[in-house]
Protein backbone atom coordinates (compact mmCIF):
# COMPACT_ATOMS: atom_id res chain seq x y z
CA UNK A 1 0.00 0.00 0.00
CA UNK A 2 1.41 3.39 -0.93
CA UNK A 3 0.03 6.65 0.40
CA UNK A 4 0.97 9.87 -1.35
CA UNK A 5 1.01 12.67 1.19
CA UNK A 6 3.62 14.84 2.90
CA UNK A 7 5.35 11.62 3.88
CA UNK A 8 5.45 8.58 1.63
CA UNK A 9 4.38 5.43 3.49
CA UNK A 10 5.05 1.97 2.11
CA UNK A 11 3.80 -1.20 3.78
CA UNK A 12 5.62 -4.47 3.27
CA UNK A 13 3.60 -7.19 1.53
CA UNK A 14 4.22 -9.68 4.33
CA UNK A 15 2.13 -7.79 6.87
CA UNK A 16 -0.50 -10.45 7.49
CA UNK A 17 -1.77 -8.95 10.77
CA UNK A 18 -3.42 -6.18 8.74
CA UNK A 19 -6.28 -8.63 8.27
CA UNK A 20 -6.78 -8.69 12.05
CA UNK A 21 -6.70 -4.93 12.46
CA UNK A 22 -9.96 -3.03 12.65
CA UNK A 23 -10.49 0.01 10.46
CA UNK A 24 -9.85 2.25 13.46
CA UNK A 25 -6.45 0.65 14.09
CA UNK A 26 -5.67 0.71 10.39
CA UNK A 27 -6.41 4.45 10.26
CA UNK A 28 -3.80 4.99 12.98
CA UNK A 29 -1.22 3.41 10.68
CA UNK A 30 -2.37 5.59 7.78
CA UNK A 31 -2.07 8.66 10.03
CA UNK A 32 1.67 8.04 10.23
CA UNK A 33 1.86 9.62 6.77
CA UNK A 34 0.91 12.99 8.23
CA UNK A 35 2.59 12.65 11.62
CA UNK A 36 5.43 10.06 11.56
CA UNK A 37 6.33 10.69 15.20
CA UNK A 38 2.97 10.82 16.97
CA UNK A 39 2.55 11.08 20.69
CA UNK A 40 3.45 7.75 22.26
CA UNK A 41 5.91 6.60 19.62
CA UNK A 42 9.27 5.32 20.83
CA UNK A 43 12.61 5.23 19.03
CA UNK A 44 14.09 1.76 19.32
CA UNK A 45 17.46 1.72 21.05
CA UNK A 46 20.56 0.50 19.24
CA UNK A 47 18.81 0.42 15.85
CA UNK A 48 19.15 3.43 13.59
CA UNK A 49 15.93 5.09 12.40
CA UNK A 50 13.52 2.45 13.77
CA UNK A 51 10.46 3.54 15.68
CA UNK A 52 7.61 1.74 17.42
CA UNK A 53 4.02 2.66 18.12
CA UNK A 54 1.50 0.71 20.18
CA UNK A 55 -1.94 -0.05 18.81
CA UNK A 56 -3.70 -2.00 21.56
CA UNK A 57 -2.05 -5.46 21.62
CA UNK A 58 -0.10 -4.84 18.40
CA UNK A 59 3.20 -3.10 17.79
CA UNK A 60 3.95 -1.30 14.54
CA UNK A 61 7.67 -1.09 13.85
CA UNK A 62 8.68 1.37 11.15
CA UNK A 63 11.60 3.38 9.83
CA UNK A 64 11.61 7.07 8.96
CA UNK A 65 13.81 8.60 6.27
CA UNK A 66 13.44 12.36 6.65
CA UNK A 67 15.79 13.12 3.78
CA UNK A 68 13.63 11.25 1.23
CA UNK A 69 10.40 11.91 3.14
CA UNK A 70 9.53 8.23 3.32
CA UNK A 71 8.26 5.91 6.02
CA UNK A 72 8.47 2.12 5.71
CA UNK A 73 6.39 -0.09 7.95
CA UNK A 74 8.65 -3.02 8.79
CA UNK A 75 6.33 -5.15 10.92
CA UNK A 76 2.93 -5.27 12.55
CA UNK A 77 2.96 -7.96 15.18
CA UNK A 78 1.28 -8.95 18.40
CA UNK A 79 3.17 -7.58 21.37
CA UNK A 80 4.36 -11.06 22.39
CA UNK A 81 6.08 -11.57 19.02
CA UNK A 82 7.09 -8.02 18.08
CA UNK A 83 10.74 -8.16 19.10
CA UNK A 84 11.64 -11.75 18.27
C-alpha cells in the first residue's frame, strides 16, 4: 500500500496482521503519513531510524527517512512476538 502525502508510506507485503486490524487501528497506521512521530511513539534503542508505536495489543515497527520523506512499515505484530 502506498500513500501519497507529505510523507510517503510503504507497507511491506508480508504484513498479514493487517487482516486482524480493525479500520480504526488501520487508520492509525495511515495517520503516520501525516505525523510520523505521533505522541506515544518510541525510538528503538541500538537500531538506527527504527520507531515503534502501540496499537492496543499490536506493535507497529517502522523506519523514517526524513531526507527522502519516506516511512516504511517493517512489521505489525502482536506484542508477544514483536521483538523476536
